[in-house]
Amino acid sequence: MKKGEVLYYNFNLMITPFHPINTEQQWDLRFYHKYTPVDSVKMTGATVINIHHGTRINPYINYPFIAWRSMKSYIDSAHQLGLKVKIYNTVRELSNSAWETFPMRSLGHEVYSPGKGGGYSWLQEHLGGDYIAAWYVPAVHDAAIINSGLSRWHNYYVEGMNWLVNNVGIDGIYLDDVAFDRVTMKRIKRVLTQNGHPGIIDLHSANQYDKADGFNNSANLYLEHFPYLNRLWFGEYFDYEKNDPNFFLVEVSGIPYGLMGEMLQGGGNPWRGMIYGMTNRMPWSDNADPRPIWKVWDEFGIKGSRMIGYWVSHNPVKTDNSDVLATVYVKNKKTMIAIASWAADETKVRLKIDWKALGIDPSKAKLTAPEIRNFQPGKTFGVNDEIPVQKGKGWLLILE
């Protein structure tokens, strides 16, 4: 700066966490991220179905008003089985099947961004040019056009969501990145939760840490929306093997903000995920089915437990190796211990247990590893035994 110059520093101050963390909701809301018959979803143990666009009941991106009767029928069937249904619906781009396409084109660039045109043949034949072609789904010939920034279309978006809640019965929305502001998010949350509706919002984002996105993490990018979300799914192009525990805690899990999340890329790392209460999402990865872990949750009774993370100084269970971390899920007279390793090689650890804090008599304590498919073999340990831990893996133990 030179003498006499003035610089203005504009920033938002956001105090975290935004609300108390809801671990009970984490155990209850088990997502099934695919359009599948509701009875098949019910059999998996999932409780919430996410309906993407490009499907029979939600064919057109960000315009769920054409096949709404089919959508309502599906949702009604899901509700009868005790399942919830959320739909893909946002404003970053809009289907060319929107009935208002040509009236909105007449508004200049209020609703649609200027651009070089191109894309799917229908767009070129009917719109000429001066637009940005976006996502295209060949199966339903759905060609999207990029929206401009804030405009009156956001009012339509809010009122459309209001209509979907009251006439179709949606239980929330799945957001694939966010292209609207905090005020719109608050309006959306209000209409989604009206009259006792659950209004579940989960946010997915790919890794924004690249040149095109300004080397910005997704959590930082969308922080202002976090108070109104129920779940994060930050994981596309995220590296679950090379990054350290702080990366998991701050940039993936959502925990510092009063949220919780799930893993994505390659199914994530299930051992490291468990120390943040995270699993993979069904049926996203063939090699990381979360059902075996869900089964152990239910057998242990994770609902009603108190989650105490490794980052808490008074965590009643620690290991004797600072590179092998432990998070506990405490219930009366029994505790589930999640262990995950960031050690450079295979190692062995002993548990350091505050027996009084757990309310367990060490002379009568039993430490077992339940068999979990593609996760760990069944095994029994002594409470003072050395526990072998493979590189990049861990254990899920029951102490009672």
Protein backbone atom coordinates (compact mmCIF):
# COMPACT_ATOMS: atom_id res chain seq x y z
CA MET A 1 0.00 0.00 0.00
CA LYS A 2 1.07 3.56 -0.64
CA LYS A 3 0.53 6.44 1.76
CA GLY A 4 -3.02 7.73 1.46
CA GLU A 5 -4.42 4.59 -0.17
CA VAL A 6 -7.51 2.88 1.22
CA LEU A 7 -8.23 -0.85 0.89
CA TYR A 8 -11.55 -2.44 1.77
CA TYR A 9 -11.46 -5.98 3.15
CA ASN A 10 -14.84 -7.65 2.69
CA PHE A 11 -15.44 -10.87 4.60
CA ASN A 12 -18.08 -12.93 6.33
CA LEU A 13 -17.52 -14.05 9.91
CA MET A 14 -19.12 -17.44 10.54
CA ILE A 15 -19.07 -18.90 14.05
CA THR A 16 -18.89 -22.69 14.08
CA PRO A 17 -20.36 -25.09 14.90
CA PHE A 18 -23.58 -23.75 13.42
CA HIS A 19 -25.80 -26.04 15.49
CA PRO A 20 -25.42 -29.06 17.80
CA ILE A 21 -24.32 -32.17 15.98
CA ASN A 22 -27.07 -34.74 15.44
CA THR A 23 -25.45 -38.16 15.59
CA GLU A 24 -28.84 -39.87 15.91
CA GLN A 25 -29.80 -38.57 12.48
CA GLN A 26 -26.52 -39.91 11.09
CA TRP A 27 -27.43 -43.43 12.18
CA ASP A 28 -31.07 -43.10 11.05
CA LEU A 29 -30.63 -41.56 7.58
CA ARG A 30 -29.01 -44.27 5.44
CA PHE A 31 -29.02 -43.12 1.85
CA TYR A 32 -29.72 -45.20 -1.23
CA HIS A 33 -28.54 -43.08 -4.13
CA LYS A 34 -30.31 -44.64 -7.10
CA TYR A 35 -33.79 -44.94 -8.61
CA THR A 36 -34.75 -48.49 -7.61
CA PRO A 37 -38.06 -50.22 -6.72
CA VAL A 38 -38.93 -49.26 -3.17
CA ASP A 39 -39.28 -52.82 -1.86
CA SER A 40 -35.73 -53.59 -3.02
CA VAL A 41 -34.42 -50.48 -1.24
CA LYS A 42 -36.26 -51.44 1.94
CA MET A 43 -34.50 -54.81 1.98
CA THR A 44 -31.06 -53.15 2.02
CA GLY A 45 -31.68 -51.34 5.30
CA ALA A 46 -31.44 -47.91 3.67
CA THR A 47 -34.01 -45.36 4.84
CA VAL A 48 -33.76 -42.49 2.33
CA ILE A 49 -33.82 -42.72 -1.48
CA ASN A 50 -32.16 -40.04 -3.60
CA ILE A 51 -33.71 -39.72 -7.05
CA HIS A 52 -31.28 -38.30 -9.58
CA HIS A 53 -32.34 -36.61 -12.80
CA GLY A 54 -32.27 -38.68 -15.99
CA THR A 55 -34.57 -41.28 -14.38
CA ARG A 56 -38.13 -42.28 -15.26
CA ILE A 57 -39.75 -40.27 -12.48
CA ASN A 58 -37.32 -37.31 -12.65
CA PRO A 59 -36.17 -37.26 -16.28
CA TYR A 60 -35.38 -33.58 -16.80
CA ILE A 61 -32.62 -31.79 -14.93
CA ASN A 62 -33.86 -29.25 -12.38
CA TYR A 63 -37.38 -29.39 -13.82
CA PRO A 64 -39.33 -32.09 -11.93
CA PHE A 65 -42.77 -30.89 -13.02
CA ILE A 66 -43.44 -33.00 -16.13
CA ALA A 67 -43.37 -36.55 -14.74
CA TRP A 68 -44.66 -35.45 -11.33
CA ARG A 69 -47.53 -37.96 -11.21
CA SER A 70 -45.10 -40.87 -11.59
CA MET A 71 -42.88 -39.28 -8.96
CA LYS A 72 -45.79 -38.92 -6.54
CA SER A 73 -46.81 -42.56 -7.04
CA TYR A 74 -43.26 -43.71 -6.27
CA ILE A 75 -43.01 -41.47 -3.19
CA ASP A 76 -46.38 -42.63 -1.89
CA SER A 77 -45.22 -46.25 -2.20
CA ALA A 78 -41.98 -45.42 -0.40
CA HIS A 79 -43.82 -43.68 2.42
CA GLN A 80 -45.98 -46.76 2.93
CA LEU A 81 -42.78 -48.72 3.63
CA GLY A 82 -41.43 -46.06 6.00
CA LEU A 83 -38.89 -44.73 3.48
CA LYS A 84 -38.20 -41.10 2.61
CA VAL A 85 -37.54 -39.79 -0.92
CA LYS A 86 -35.43 -36.80 -1.93
CA ILE A 87 -34.92 -35.50 -5.46
CA TYR A 88 -32.17 -33.84 -7.45
CA ASN A 89 -33.28 -30.25 -7.96
CA THR A 90 -31.19 -27.07 -8.11
CA VAL A 91 -30.68 -24.03 -10.36
CA ARG A 92 -27.20 -24.16 -11.87
CA GLU A 93 -28.64 -25.32 -15.20
CA LEU A 94 -32.09 -25.95 -16.59
CA SER A 95 -33.53 -28.58 -18.91
CA ASN A 96 -34.51 -27.58 -22.45
CA SER A 97 -37.80 -29.37 -21.69
CA ALA A 98 -38.83 -26.58 -19.31
CA TRP A 99 -42.15 -25.22 -20.59
CA GLU A 100 -40.94 -21.67 -19.94
CA THR A 101 -37.80 -21.97 -22.08
CA PHE A 102 -38.79 -19.53 -24.81
CA PRO A 103 -40.51 -16.91 -22.61
CA MET A 104 -37.38 -16.87 -20.44
CA ARG A 105 -35.16 -16.53 -23.51
CA SER A 106 -37.14 -13.39 -24.32
CA LEU A 107 -35.83 -11.84 -21.08
CA GLY A 108 -32.33 -11.55 -22.53
CA HIS A 109 -29.73 -12.79 -20.07
CA GLU A 110 -31.73 -12.49 -16.87
CA VAL A 111 -32.28 -16.25 -16.63
CA TYR A 112 -29.79 -17.75 -19.10
CA SER A 113 -26.09 -16.90 -19.30
CA PRO A 114 -24.59 -15.56 -22.55
CA GLY A 115 -22.32 -17.96 -24.40
CA LYS A 116 -21.13 -19.42 -27.68
CA GLY A 117 -24.03 -21.88 -28.10
CA GLY A 118 -23.35 -25.34 -29.51
CA GLY A 119 -24.15 -28.59 -27.72
CA TYR A 120 -27.04 -30.91 -28.50
CA SER A 121 -28.59 -30.46 -31.96
CA TRP A 122 -31.99 -29.39 -30.57
CA LEU A 123 -30.38 -26.43 -28.82
CA GLN A 124 -28.63 -25.31 -31.99
CA GLU A 125 -31.76 -25.72 -34.11
CA HIS A 126 -34.19 -23.98 -31.74
CA LEU A 127 -32.09 -21.50 -29.76
CA GLY A 128 -29.56 -20.49 -32.40
CA GLY A 129 -26.76 -19.21 -30.21
CA ASP A 130 -25.93 -16.99 -27.23
CA TYR A 131 -26.26 -19.66 -24.51
CA ILE A 132 -23.99 -22.11 -22.70
CA ALA A 133 -24.76 -25.78 -23.30
CA ALA A 134 -24.57 -27.84 -20.09
CA TRP A 135 -25.34 -31.40 -18.95
CA TYR A 136 -26.83 -33.72 -21.55
CA VAL A 137 -28.58 -37.07 -20.88
CA PRO A 138 -28.80 -39.07 -24.15
CA ALA A 139 -31.35 -41.58 -22.83
CA VAL A 140 -34.04 -38.91 -22.44
CA HIS A 141 -32.60 -36.31 -24.86
CA ASP A 142 -32.34 -33.84 -22.00
CA ALA A 143 -30.11 -30.90 -22.87
CA ALA A 144 -29.53 -28.34 -20.14
CA ILE A 145 -28.67 -24.65 -20.46
CA ILE A 146 -26.60 -22.73 -17.90
CA ASN A 147 -28.48 -20.26 -15.69
CA SER A 148 -27.32 -16.73 -14.98
CA GLY A 149 -26.66 -15.60 -11.42
CA LEU A 150 -29.39 -14.45 -9.05
CA SER A 151 -32.62 -13.65 -10.86
CA ARG A 152 -36.37 -14.02 -10.62
CA TRP A 153 -35.87 -17.67 -11.57
CA HIS A 154 -34.85 -18.21 -7.93
CA ASN A 155 -38.36 -17.17 -6.90
CA TYR A 156 -39.72 -19.80 -9.30
CA TYR A 157 -37.31 -22.33 -7.79
CA VAL A 158 -38.53 -21.65 -4.25
CA GLU A 159 -42.21 -21.71 -5.22
CA GLY A 160 -41.65 -24.85 -7.31
CA MET A 161 -40.13 -26.55 -4.27
CA ASN A 162 -43.12 -25.43 -2.21
CA TRP A 163 -45.42 -27.04 -4.80
CA LEU A 164 -43.42 -30.29 -4.77
CA VAL A 165 -43.66 -30.57 -0.98
CA ASN A 166 -47.41 -30.00 -0.91
CA ASN A 167 -48.45 -31.87 -4.06
CA VAL A 168 -45.82 -34.57 -4.62
CA GLY A 169 -44.65 -35.19 -1.06
CA ILE A 170 -40.87 -34.91 -1.48
CA ASP A 171 -38.94 -35.26 1.78
CA GLY A 172 -36.04 -33.06 0.74
CA ILE A 173 -33.49 -32.37 -1.98
CA TYR A 174 -30.10 -33.65 -3.08
CA LEU A 175 -27.81 -30.80 -4.14
CA ASP A 176 -24.92 -31.38 -6.53
CA ASP A 177 -23.00 -28.20 -5.71
CA VAL A 178 -24.91 -24.99 -4.98
CA ALA A 179 -25.49 -22.16 -7.46
CA PHE A 180 -27.66 -19.93 -5.30
CA ASP A 181 -27.09 -17.67 -2.32
CA ARG A 182 -27.63 -18.07 1.43
CA VAL A 183 -30.94 -16.17 1.35
CA THR A 184 -32.35 -18.60 -1.24
CA MET A 185 -31.08 -21.54 0.84
CA LYS A 186 -32.96 -20.22 3.89
CA ARG A 187 -36.14 -19.84 1.83
CA ILE A 188 -35.74 -23.39 0.48
CA LYS A 189 -35.22 -24.83 3.97
CA ARG A 190 -38.36 -23.05 5.16
CA VAL A 191 -40.61 -24.44 2.42
CA LEU A 192 -39.11 -27.94 2.73
CA THR A 193 -39.76 -28.09 6.48
CA GLN A 194 -43.24 -26.55 6.50
CA ASN A 195 -46.04 -28.33 8.37
CA GLY A 196 -43.74 -30.92 9.89
CA HIS A 197 -42.12 -32.11 6.64
CA PRO A 198 -38.57 -33.42 7.22
CA GLY A 199 -36.89 -31.11 4.68
CA ILE A 200 -33.68 -33.16 4.43
CA ILE A 201 -30.91 -31.47 2.39
CA ASP A 202 -27.66 -33.21 1.56
CA LEU A 203 -24.88 -31.54 -0.40
CA HIS A 204 -22.47 -33.30 -2.73
CA SER A 205 -19.37 -31.62 -4.08
CA ALA A 206 -16.34 -32.75 -6.02
CA ASN A 207 -12.87 -31.63 -4.98
CA GLN A 208 -12.60 -27.92 -5.82
CA TYR A 209 -8.89 -27.83 -5.07
CA ASP A 210 -7.69 -27.20 -8.61
CA LYS A 211 -6.75 -24.30 -10.86
CA ALA A 212 -10.23 -23.87 -12.38
CA ASP A 213 -11.82 -23.49 -8.92
CA GLY A 214 -9.16 -21.31 -7.34
CA PHE A 215 -7.70 -24.11 -5.19
CA ASN A 216 -10.65 -23.81 -2.84
CA ASN A 217 -11.96 -26.62 -0.67
CA SER A 218 -15.66 -27.43 -0.97
CA ALA A 219 -16.27 -26.83 2.75
CA ASN A 220 -14.88 -23.31 2.48
CA LEU A 221 -16.79 -22.66 -0.73
CA TYR A 222 -20.20 -23.60 0.70
CA LEU A 223 -19.76 -22.73 4.37
CA GLU A 224 -22.59 -20.18 4.40
CA HIS A 225 -25.07 -22.92 3.47
CA PHE A 226 -24.00 -25.39 6.17
CA PRO A 227 -26.49 -24.26 8.87
CA TYR A 228 -29.36 -25.50 6.66
CA LEU A 229 -27.89 -28.85 5.55
CA ASN A 230 -28.41 -32.30 7.07
CA ARG A 231 -25.60 -34.26 5.42
CA LEU A 232 -22.41 -33.75 3.41
CA TRP A 233 -21.16 -36.02 0.63
CA PHE A 234 -17.75 -34.52 -0.07
CA GLY A 235 -15.66 -37.11 -1.78
CA GLU A 236 -15.55 -37.06 -5.58
CA TYR A 237 -11.83 -36.82 -6.50
CA PHE A 238 -10.93 -36.71 -2.78
CA ASP A 239 -7.95 -38.81 -1.70
CA TYR A 240 -8.77 -40.91 1.38
CA GLU A 241 -5.36 -42.59 1.48
CA LYS A 242 -2.75 -39.80 1.30
CA ASN A 243 -4.50 -37.10 3.32
CA ASP A 244 -4.06 -36.79 7.07
CA PRO A 245 -6.68 -36.89 9.88
CA ASN A 246 -7.09 -33.10 9.89
CA PHE A 247 -8.14 -33.25 6.24
CA PHE A 248 -10.82 -35.83 7.06
CA LEU A 249 -12.06 -33.87 10.07
CA VAL A 250 -12.21 -30.38 8.58
CA GLU A 251 -12.63 -30.86 4.83
CA VAL A 252 -14.73 -34.04 4.58
CA SER A 253 -16.60 -35.00 7.76
CA GLY A 254 -18.59 -31.84 8.53
CA ILE A 255 -18.14 -32.43 12.27
CA PRO A 256 -16.57 -29.03 13.14
CA TYR A 257 -19.65 -27.35 11.70
CA GLY A 258 -22.30 -29.46 13.45
CA LEU A 259 -22.78 -31.76 10.45
CA MET A 260 -21.80 -35.29 9.49
CA GLY A 261 -20.96 -36.80 6.14
CA GLU A 262 -20.28 -39.82 3.96
CA MET A 263 -17.45 -40.93 1.68
CA LEU A 264 -17.50 -41.34 -2.08
CA GLN A 265 -14.37 -41.74 -4.26
CA GLY A 266 -13.59 -45.44 -4.65
CA GLY A 267 -15.83 -46.19 -1.68
CA GLY A 268 -13.59 -44.23 0.67
CA ASN A 269 -11.56 -45.77 3.45
CA PRO A 270 -14.04 -47.59 5.74
CA TRP A 271 -11.66 -47.81 8.73
CA ARG A 272 -10.78 -44.12 8.66
CA GLY A 273 -14.38 -43.23 7.88
CA MET A 274 -15.65 -44.91 11.04
CA ILE A 275 -13.69 -42.64 13.37
CA TYR A 276 -15.81 -39.82 11.93
CA GLY A 277 -19.04 -41.85 11.88
CA MET A 278 -18.90 -42.09 8.07
CA THR A 279 -19.61 -44.97 5.71
CA ASN A 280 -19.95 -45.21 1.97
CA ARG A 281 -23.37 -44.53 0.38
CA MET A 282 -25.37 -47.32 -1.29
CA PRO A 283 -25.09 -48.53 -4.01
CA TRP A 284 -22.31 -46.25 -5.15
CA SER A 285 -19.32 -48.55 -4.89
CA ASP A 286 -19.26 -52.32 -5.42
CA ASN A 287 -16.14 -52.71 -3.29
CA ALA A 288 -17.44 -50.72 -0.29
CA ASP A 289 -20.92 -51.94 0.60
CA PRO A 290 -21.88 -50.20 3.90
CA ARG A 291 -24.45 -52.83 4.92
CA PRO A 292 -22.03 -55.01 6.94
CA ILE A 293 -21.09 -51.94 9.00
CA TRP A 294 -24.75 -50.89 9.34
CA LYS A 295 -25.46 -54.41 10.65
CA VAL A 296 -22.83 -54.05 13.38
CA TRP A 297 -24.21 -50.59 14.25
CA ASP A 298 -27.62 -52.14 14.80
CA GLU A 299 -26.34 -55.17 16.73
CA PHE A 300 -24.35 -52.87 19.04
CA GLY A 301 -27.21 -50.37 19.25
CA ILE A 302 -25.38 -47.27 18.00
CA LYS A 303 -28.58 -45.24 18.30
CA GLY A 304 -28.53 -43.61 21.68
CA SER A 305 -24.73 -43.84 21.99
CA ARG A 306 -22.47 -40.89 22.73
CA MET A 307 -19.81 -40.35 20.07
CA ILE A 308 -16.49 -39.08 21.47
CA GLY A 309 -13.88 -38.44 18.79
CA TYR A 310 -10.11 -38.86 18.98
CA TRP A 311 -9.87 -35.05 18.85
CA VAL A 312 -11.52 -34.77 22.28
CA SER A 313 -8.87 -34.53 25.01
CA HIS A 314 -10.89 -36.58 27.52
CA ASN A 315 -11.66 -39.39 25.06
CA PRO A 316 -11.78 -42.45 27.37
CA VAL A 317 -10.02 -44.74 24.87
CA LYS A 318 -6.72 -43.90 23.22
CA THR A 319 -3.93 -45.95 21.69
CA ASP A 320 -0.25 -45.86 22.58
CA ASN A 321 0.62 -44.77 19.03
CA SER A 322 -0.14 -41.19 17.98
CA ASP A 323 -0.54 -42.33 14.37
CA VAL A 324 -3.30 -44.78 15.27
CA LEU A 325 -6.43 -42.93 16.38
CA ALA A 326 -9.53 -44.07 18.24
CA THR A 327 -13.10 -42.76 18.40
CA VAL A 328 -15.62 -44.29 20.79
CA TYR A 329 -19.38 -44.73 20.79
CA VAL A 330 -20.37 -45.08 24.44
CA LYS A 331 -23.48 -46.76 25.82
CA ASN A 332 -24.30 -48.04 29.28
CA LYS A 333 -21.79 -50.79 30.17
CA LYS A 334 -20.54 -51.20 26.59
CA THR A 335 -18.55 -49.18 24.07
CA MET A 336 -17.80 -49.47 20.36
CA ILE A 337 -14.23 -48.46 19.52
CA ALA A 338 -13.25 -47.43 15.99
CA ILE A 339 -9.51 -47.55 15.33
CA ALA A 340 -7.83 -46.21 12.19
CA SER A 341 -4.16 -46.04 11.26
CA TRP A 342 -2.11 -43.34 9.58
CA ALA A 343 1.14 -45.10 10.52
CA ALA A 344 3.69 -45.51 7.75
CA ASP A 345 3.73 -49.30 8.10
CA GLU A 346 1.89 -52.15 9.76
CA THR A 347 2.07 -51.69 13.52
CA LYS A 348 0.78 -52.96 16.87
CA VAL A 349 -1.01 -50.90 19.49
CA ARG A 350 -2.33 -51.25 23.02
CA LEU A 351 -5.47 -49.48 24.17
CA LYS A 352 -5.26 -46.95 27.02
CA ILE A 353 -8.70 -47.13 28.66
CA ASP A 354 -10.33 -44.90 31.26
CA TRP A 355 -12.42 -47.66 32.84
CA LYS A 356 -14.18 -45.34 35.28
CA ALA A 357 -15.35 -43.03 32.49
CA LEU A 358 -16.79 -46.02 30.62
CA GLY A 359 -18.39 -47.58 33.68
CA ILE A 360 -16.84 -50.97 32.91
CA ASP A 361 -15.06 -53.30 35.37
CA PRO A 362 -11.69 -54.18 33.74
CA SER A 363 -11.59 -57.53 35.53
CA LYS A 364 -14.79 -58.56 33.77
CA ALA A 365 -14.24 -56.76 30.45
CA LYS A 366 -14.44 -58.51 27.11
CA LEU A 367 -12.95 -57.04 23.90
CA THR A 368 -14.15 -58.50 20.60
CA ALA A 369 -13.92 -57.67 16.93
CA PRO A 370 -17.17 -58.76 15.24
CA GLU A 371 -16.71 -60.29 11.81
CA ILE A 372 -17.46 -57.65 9.16
CA ARG A 373 -17.34 -58.63 5.49
CA ASN A 374 -14.58 -56.81 3.56
CA PHE A 375 -13.58 -55.02 6.77
CA GLN A 376 -12.22 -57.37 9.45
CA PRO A 377 -12.22 -61.01 10.64
CA GLY A 378 -13.96 -61.98 13.86
CA LYS A 379 -11.49 -62.04 16.75
CA THR A 380 -11.25 -61.78 20.54
CA PHE A 381 -8.55 -59.74 22.28
CA GLY A 382 -7.47 -59.37 25.87
CA VAL A 383 -7.88 -55.80 27.10
CA ASN A 384 -4.09 -55.52 27.52
CA ASP A 385 -3.16 -57.33 24.30
CA GLU A 386 -1.19 -55.79 21.48
CA ILE A 387 -3.56 -55.34 18.56
CA PRO A 388 -2.05 -55.67 15.06
CA VAL A 389 -3.09 -52.85 12.73
CA GLN A 390 -2.45 -52.99 8.98
CA LYS A 391 -1.25 -49.91 7.12
CA GLY A 392 -4.16 -47.63 6.22
CA LYS A 393 -6.69 -49.86 8.00
CA GLY A 394 -8.00 -50.44 11.50
CA TRP A 395 -10.61 -52.20 13.64
CA LEU A 396 -14.12 -51.88 14.94
CA LEU A 397 -14.14 -53.32 18.46
CA ILE A 398 -16.83 -53.92 21.07
CA LEU A 399 -15.81 -53.48 24.70
CA GLU A 400 -18.30 -54.69 27.32
